[in-house]
Protein backbone atom coordinates (compact mmCIF):
# COMPACT_ATOMS: atom_id res chain seq x y z
CA UNK A 1 19.54 -12.97 21.23
CA UNK A 2 15.88 -13.45 19.78
CA UNK A 3 14.66 -14.02 16.10
CA UNK A 4 15.54 -10.95 14.09
CA UNK A 5 12.49 -11.16 12.15
CA UNK A 6 10.31 -10.96 15.65
CA UNK A 7 12.68 -8.02 16.30
CA UNK A 8 12.11 -6.29 13.15
CA UNK A 9 8.42 -6.48 13.46
CA UNK A 10 8.37 -5.00 16.72
CA UNK A 11 9.72 -1.89 15.28
CA UNK A 12 6.66 -1.65 12.83
CA UNK A 13 3.47 0.12 13.92
CA UNK A 14 0.32 -2.38 14.50
CA UNK A 15 -1.90 -0.11 12.23
CA UNK A 16 -0.41 1.60 9.30
CA UNK A 17 -0.89 5.23 8.70
CA UNK A 18 -3.11 5.71 5.66
CA UNK A 19 -3.83 8.81 3.31
CA UNK A 20 -7.14 9.52 1.55
CA UNK A 21 -9.55 12.11 0.84
CA UNK A 22 -12.56 12.87 2.87
CA UNK A 23 -15.79 12.38 0.70
CA UNK A 24 -18.53 12.98 3.65
CA UNK A 25 -19.27 13.56 7.39
CA UNK A 26 -22.00 11.72 9.18
CA UNK A 27 -24.17 12.91 12.00
CA UNK A 28 -22.60 10.59 14.66
CA UNK A 29 -19.36 11.67 14.49
CA UNK A 30 -17.69 9.41 11.87
CA UNK A 31 -16.16 10.44 8.12
CA UNK A 32 -16.19 8.68 5.04
CA UNK A 33 -12.53 8.62 3.59
CA UNK A 34 -11.69 7.44 0.07
CA UNK A 35 -8.16 5.85 -0.43
CA UNK A 36 -5.99 6.19 -3.56
CA UNK A 37 -6.48 2.80 -4.67
CA UNK A 38 -10.35 3.06 -4.72
CA UNK A 39 -11.36 1.79 -1.38
CA UNK A 40 -13.21 3.45 1.26
CA UNK A 41 -13.12 3.58 5.22
CA UNK A 42 -15.78 5.07 7.76
CA UNK A 43 -13.66 6.20 10.37
CA UNK A 44 -14.34 8.25 14.00
CA UNK A 45 -13.66 12.01 13.56
CA UNK A 46 -14.41 15.09 11.81
CA UNK A 47 -11.51 17.38 12.05
CA UNK A 48 -10.81 17.28 8.17
CA UNK A 49 -12.87 19.35 5.93
CA UNK A 50 -14.75 17.37 3.16
CA UNK A 51 -12.69 17.44 0.10
CA UNK A 52 -9.36 17.33 1.98
CA UNK A 53 -6.72 14.80 2.48
CA UNK A 54 -6.38 13.22 5.88
CA UNK A 55 -4.19 10.90 7.75
CA UNK A 56 -5.93 7.54 9.06
CA UNK A 57 -4.83 5.19 11.70
CA UNK A 58 -6.44 2.64 13.88
CA UNK A 59 -10.17 3.55 12.58
CA UNK A 60 -9.50 7.28 13.17
CA UNK A 61 -8.69 10.68 11.61
CA UNK A 62 -5.46 11.32 12.80
CA UNK A 63 -4.63 14.69 11.09
CA UNK A 64 -5.04 16.85 7.94
CA UNK A 65 -2.78 15.72 5.14
CA UNK A 66 -0.90 17.93 2.65
CA UNK A 67 -2.54 17.92 -0.93
CA UNK A 68 0.31 16.14 -2.69
CA UNK A 69 0.55 14.06 -5.90
CA UNK A 70 0.97 10.35 -5.22
CA UNK A 71 4.09 8.68 -6.94
CA UNK A 72 4.62 5.05 -7.25
CA UNK A 73 8.29 3.59 -7.50
CA UNK A 74 8.88 0.10 -8.41
CA UNK A 75 12.19 -1.09 -7.17
């Protein structure tokens, strides 16, 4: 039996799934996405309209995300 922490890490995705708002499309197939914390990303894909929420993973637009309010819970 291996290290439990190593086994746990294998269950998690290597690239996190992020949610952000698409702010612009570039002419070369990339989109600009603003994250809720204020950061921004330039990601490949234009399949989500400007002003809509998008799921982003691994530097690509994965799909359109539902427009829900963000809630932060401290434990």
